[in-house]
Protein backbone atom coordinates (compact mmCIF):
# COMPACT_ATOMS: atom_id res chain seq x y z
CA UNK A 1 -29.22 -24.89 16.63
CA UNK A 2 -27.98 -22.28 19.13
CA UNK A 3 -27.26 -18.81 18.09
CA UNK A 4 -23.37 -18.26 17.85
CA UNK A 5 -21.88 -16.24 20.58
CA UNK A 6 -19.29 -14.78 18.25
CA UNK A 7 -20.08 -11.79 16.17
CA UNK A 8 -19.13 -10.37 12.76
CA UNK A 9 -20.43 -6.89 11.99
CA UNK A 10 -20.35 -5.74 8.47
CA UNK A 11 -20.61 -2.36 6.85
CA UNK A 12 -22.67 -2.57 3.60
CA UNK A 13 -21.12 -0.20 0.86
CA UNK A 14 -17.80 -1.13 -0.40
CA UNK A 15 -18.00 -4.26 1.56
CA UNK A 16 -21.11 -6.42 0.76
CA UNK A 17 -22.08 -4.17 -2.25
CA UNK A 18 -19.97 -2.35 -4.86
CA UNK A 19 -21.50 1.04 -5.07
CA UNK A 20 -19.22 2.58 -7.69
CA UNK A 21 -22.11 2.84 -10.34
CA UNK A 22 -24.60 3.74 -7.50
CA UNK A 23 -23.86 5.93 -4.61
CA UNK A 24 -20.56 7.20 -6.05
CA UNK A 25 -22.04 7.97 -9.42
CA UNK A 26 -25.12 9.77 -7.50
CA UNK A 27 -22.39 12.08 -5.76
CA UNK A 28 -20.95 12.86 -8.99
CA UNK A 29 -24.31 13.63 -10.72
CA UNK A 30 -25.53 15.59 -7.73
CA UNK A 31 -22.39 17.83 -7.73
CA UNK A 32 -22.79 18.30 -11.47
CA UNK A 33 -26.55 19.21 -11.21
CA UNK A 34 -25.83 22.08 -8.81
CA UNK A 35 -22.48 23.31 -10.23
CA UNK A 36 -21.82 22.00 -13.71
CA UNK A 37 -18.60 20.61 -12.46
CA UNK A 38 -17.23 17.08 -13.36
CA UNK A 39 -15.83 15.50 -10.28
CA UNK A 40 -14.18 11.90 -10.13
CA UNK A 41 -14.43 8.80 -8.25
CA UNK A 42 -10.88 9.52 -7.25
CA UNK A 43 -12.05 12.90 -5.79
CA UNK A 44 -14.64 11.14 -3.72
CA UNK A 45 -12.19 8.43 -2.39
CA UNK A 46 -9.58 10.91 -1.32
CA UNK A 47 -12.25 12.39 0.93
CA UNK A 48 -13.36 9.01 2.06
CA UNK A 49 -9.67 8.05 2.85
CA UNK A 50 -9.34 11.17 5.15
CA UNK A 51 -12.32 10.30 7.10
CA UNK A 52 -15.19 12.43 8.17
CA UNK A 53 -17.12 11.71 4.97
CA UNK A 54 -19.51 8.80 5.94
CA UNK A 55 -22.65 10.59 5.06
CA UNK A 56 -22.86 10.83 1.06
CA UNK A 57 -25.54 13.56 1.34
CA UNK A 58 -23.23 15.69 3.34
CA UNK A 59 -20.31 14.85 1.27
CA UNK A 60 -22.05 16.02 -1.94
CA UNK A 61 -23.08 19.07 -0.05
CA UNK A 62 -19.42 19.92 0.94
CA UNK A 63 -18.19 19.38 -2.61
CA UNK A 64 -20.98 21.63 -3.96
CA UNK A 65 -20.04 24.37 -1.48
CA UNK A 66 -16.48 24.43 -2.76
CA UNK A 67 -17.79 25.17 -6.37
CA UNK A 68 -20.87 27.22 -6.18
CA UNK A 69 -23.20 29.12 -3.99
CA UNK A 70 -24.63 26.17 -1.98
CA UNK A 71 -28.16 25.01 -1.98
CA UNK A 72 -29.77 23.84 1.22
CA UNK A 73 -29.13 20.46 2.60
CA UNK A 74 -32.72 19.59 1.87
CA UNK A 75 -32.43 20.50 -1.72
CA UNK A 76 -29.25 18.45 -2.06
CA UNK A 77 -30.91 15.40 -0.40
CA UNK A 78 -34.01 15.63 -2.71
CA UNK A 79 -31.82 15.60 -5.85
CA UNK A 80 -29.45 12.97 -4.52
CA UNK A 81 -32.40 10.55 -3.67
CA UNK A 82 -34.18 11.17 -7.02
CA UNK A 83 -31.01 10.17 -8.87
CA UNK A 84 -30.08 7.20 -6.55
CA UNK A 85 -33.46 5.73 -6.02
CA UNK A 86 -35.44 6.86 -8.99
CA UNK A 87 -39.02 5.78 -9.18
CA UNK A 88 -39.93 2.85 -7.05
CA UNK A 89 -36.09 1.86 -6.66
CA UNK A 90 -35.44 2.11 -10.39
CA UNK A 91 -32.65 4.47 -10.25
CA UNK A 92 -28.90 4.02 -9.79
CA UNK A 93 -29.53 1.78 -6.86
CA UNK A 94 -30.21 -0.93 -9.47
CA UNK A 95 -26.52 -0.75 -10.60
CA UNK A 96 -25.30 -2.29 -7.29
CA UNK A 97 -23.30 -5.33 -7.51
CA UNK A 98 -23.22 -7.97 -4.64
CA UNK A 99 -19.62 -8.75 -3.62
CA UNK A 100 -20.15 -11.78 -1.40
CA UNK A 101 -19.28 -15.13 -3.25
CA UNK A 102 -21.77 -17.93 -3.34
CA UNK A 103 -22.03 -19.63 0.04
CA UNK A 104 -19.73 -17.25 1.79
CA UNK A 105 -22.20 -15.63 4.14
CA UNK A 106 -24.22 -18.88 4.99
CA UNK A 107 -20.86 -20.43 5.69
CA UNK A 108 -20.01 -17.76 8.19
CA UNK A 109 -23.33 -17.70 9.64
CA UNK A 110 -22.81 -21.34 10.90
CA UNK A 111 -20.12 -20.03 13.19
CA UNK A 112 -20.74 -16.33 13.65
CA UNK A 113 -23.86 -14.27 14.29
CA UNK A 114 -23.89 -11.72 11.42
CA UNK A 115 -24.93 -8.16 12.07
CA UNK A 116 -24.92 -4.88 9.87
CA UNK A 117 -24.06 -1.33 10.71
CA UNK A 118 -24.43 0.83 7.76
CA UNK A 119 -24.56 4.66 6.96
CA UNK A 120 -27.54 3.99 4.69
CA UNK A 121 -31.13 4.50 5.88
CA UNK A 122 -32.30 1.14 7.23
CA UNK A 123 -34.90 0.57 4.78
CA UNK A 124 -32.52 1.04 2.04
CA UNK A 125 -30.23 -1.59 3.45
CA UNK A 126 -33.02 -4.10 3.87
CA UNK A 127 -34.12 -3.42 0.35
CA UNK A 128 -30.66 -4.22 -0.97
CA UNK A 129 -30.40 -7.25 1.25
CA UNK A 130 -33.56 -8.61 -0.14
CA UNK A 131 -32.78 -7.84 -3.74
CA UNK A 132 -29.61 -10.28 -3.35
CA UNK A 133 -31.45 -12.89 -1.11
CA UNK A 134 -29.48 -11.83 2.10
CA UNK A 135 -32.32 -10.37 4.12
CA UNK A 136 -32.51 -13.29 6.70
CA UNK A 137 -28.85 -13.27 7.38
CA UNK A 138 -28.21 -10.15 9.45
CA UNK A 139 -29.70 -9.41 12.76
CA UNK A 140 -29.64 -6.67 13.67
CA UNK A 141 -29.51 -4.19 11.04
CA UNK A 142 -28.61 -0.78 12.27
CA UNK A 143 -29.06 2.27 9.97
CA UNK A 144 -28.54 5.97 10.05
CA UNK A 145 -31.83 6.58 11.61
CA UNK A 146 -31.03 4.17 14.64
CA UNK A 147 -27.97 6.40 15.87
CA UNK A 148 -27.71 9.60 17.44
CA UNK A 149 -24.24 10.08 15.86
CA UNK A 150 -23.00 8.65 12.61
CA UNK A 151 -19.61 7.11 12.04
CA UNK A 152 -16.73 7.62 13.07
CA UNK A 153 -18.63 7.73 16.23
CA UNK A 154 -19.14 4.00 17.50
CA UNK A 155 -22.82 4.53 18.62
CA UNK A 156 -24.25 1.96 15.93
CA UNK A 157 -21.45 -0.61 17.18
CA UNK A 158 -22.48 -0.22 20.74
CA UNK A 159 -26.19 -0.65 19.86
CA UNK A 160 -25.24 -4.09 18.41
CA UNK A 161 -22.61 -5.15 21.09
CA UNK A 162 -24.25 -4.14 24.38
CA UNK A 163 -27.25 -6.31 24.22
CA UNK A 164 -25.30 -9.35 22.82
CA UNK A 165 -22.21 -9.33 24.78
CA UNK A 166 -20.36 -11.62 22.33
CA UNK A 167 -17.42 -13.63 23.06
CA UNK A 168 -15.63 -12.22 20.07
CA UNK A 169 -16.53 -9.46 17.57
CA UNK A 170 -15.22 -7.99 14.51
CA UNK A 171 -16.05 -5.08 12.37
CA UNK A 172 -15.55 -5.25 8.57
CA UNK A 173 -15.53 -1.82 6.62
CA UNK A 174 -13.95 0.07 3.96
CA UNK A 175 -13.59 3.56 4.98
CA UNK A 176 -11.53 5.36 7.74
CA UNK A 177 -14.83 6.25 9.43
CA UNK A 178 -15.36 2.47 9.79
CA UNK A 179 -12.03 1.97 11.16
CA UNK A 180 -12.08 4.70 13.66
CA UNK A 181 -15.58 3.68 14.78
CA UNK A 182 -14.21 0.14 15.52
CA UNK A 183 -11.20 1.51 17.51
CA UNK A 184 -13.46 3.73 19.52
CA UNK A 185 -15.58 0.62 20.38
CA UNK A 186 -12.46 -1.44 21.03
CA UNK A 187 -13.47 -3.84 18.33
CA UNK A 188 -10.81 -5.35 16.08
CA UNK A 189 -11.11 -3.96 12.55
CA UNK A 190 -10.97 -5.82 9.24
CA UNK A 191 -10.39 -3.44 6.34
CA UNK A 192 -11.56 -3.87 2.85
CA UNK A 193 -9.39 -2.13 0.11
CA UNK A 194 -11.06 -3.40 -2.90
CA UNK A 195 -9.79 -3.26 -6.71
CA UNK A 196 -12.44 -0.80 -7.61
CA UNK A 197 -11.03 1.72 -5.11
CA UNK A 198 -8.99 4.24 -7.21
CA UNK A 199 -6.71 4.94 -4.04
CA UNK A 200 -6.61 1.47 -2.47
CA UNK A 201 -3.05 1.49 -1.69
CA UNK A 202 -3.39 4.83 0.15
CA UNK A 203 -6.34 3.28 2.07
CA UNK A 204 -4.55 0.15 2.97
CA UNK A 205 -1.62 2.01 4.41
CA UNK A 206 -4.08 4.18 6.54
CA UNK A 207 -5.72 1.28 7.79
CA UNK A 208 -2.47 -0.32 8.71
CA UNK A 209 -1.31 2.68 10.52
CA UNK A 210 -4.63 2.82 12.37
CA UNK A 211 -4.12 -0.58 13.70
CA UNK A 212 -6.32 -2.66 11.67
CA UNK A 213 -6.15 -6.41 12.60
CA UNK A 214 -6.10 -7.10 8.71
CA UNK A 215 -6.61 -5.55 5.35
CA UNK A 216 -8.13 -7.64 2.45
CA UNK A 217 -8.76 -6.76 -1.19
CA UNK A 218 -11.87 -8.87 -1.40
CA UNK A 219 -14.64 -9.79 1.03
CA UNK A 220 -14.22 -13.38 -0.09
CA UNK A 221 -10.75 -13.49 1.56
CA UNK A 222 -12.48 -12.89 4.97
CA UNK A 223 -12.46 -16.56 6.05
CA UNK A 224 -8.70 -16.75 5.94
CA UNK A 225 -8.36 -13.97 8.33
CA UNK A 226 -10.54 -15.13 10.93
CA UNK A 227 -9.69 -17.42 13.82
């Protein structure tokens, strides 16, 4: 079977995987470790909805700086990764929940080539794909170390698009940084504003104002939005 010329590029967190109990909880615990302050998922989502908060290490550092004398970025990353990864990936990463329904991605792969552009380190993305049996569905997988500039810069999208020259391409993401990266790359954007998002209606409105092709509340609605 020939490789489809049409391309779906997915973000990972909040799109393929619910990270409420992993990355979001890690931001909360990291800020508490350094400041003693209790922030909420809504506090985090408000930053995400504004944009410029793609990297959760830097988001945690920014929220720490607002509340205490800041540690170094390296110290924040060390604590963050210890909470998130634990020993041998036994930390909060184990709390992630796969969002794609049974058969969704294999069905899409019959008509589309699937790629992944995530703000995670690539090995973390591959680990999670492998854990949920999806490691062979995405090619390429572009992570944070593969780009010079992170989202909202479109560098990662261009690294996928330019070698392939697809007939059609779409980017599916859940943050304003995803939306703006797609716009800068001239790729139609499909936003996900899921029920786990405490500010989902605000995000939906922002996506629509930024020109999203569609906004869905569940990844499993994706097939209905595609031509």
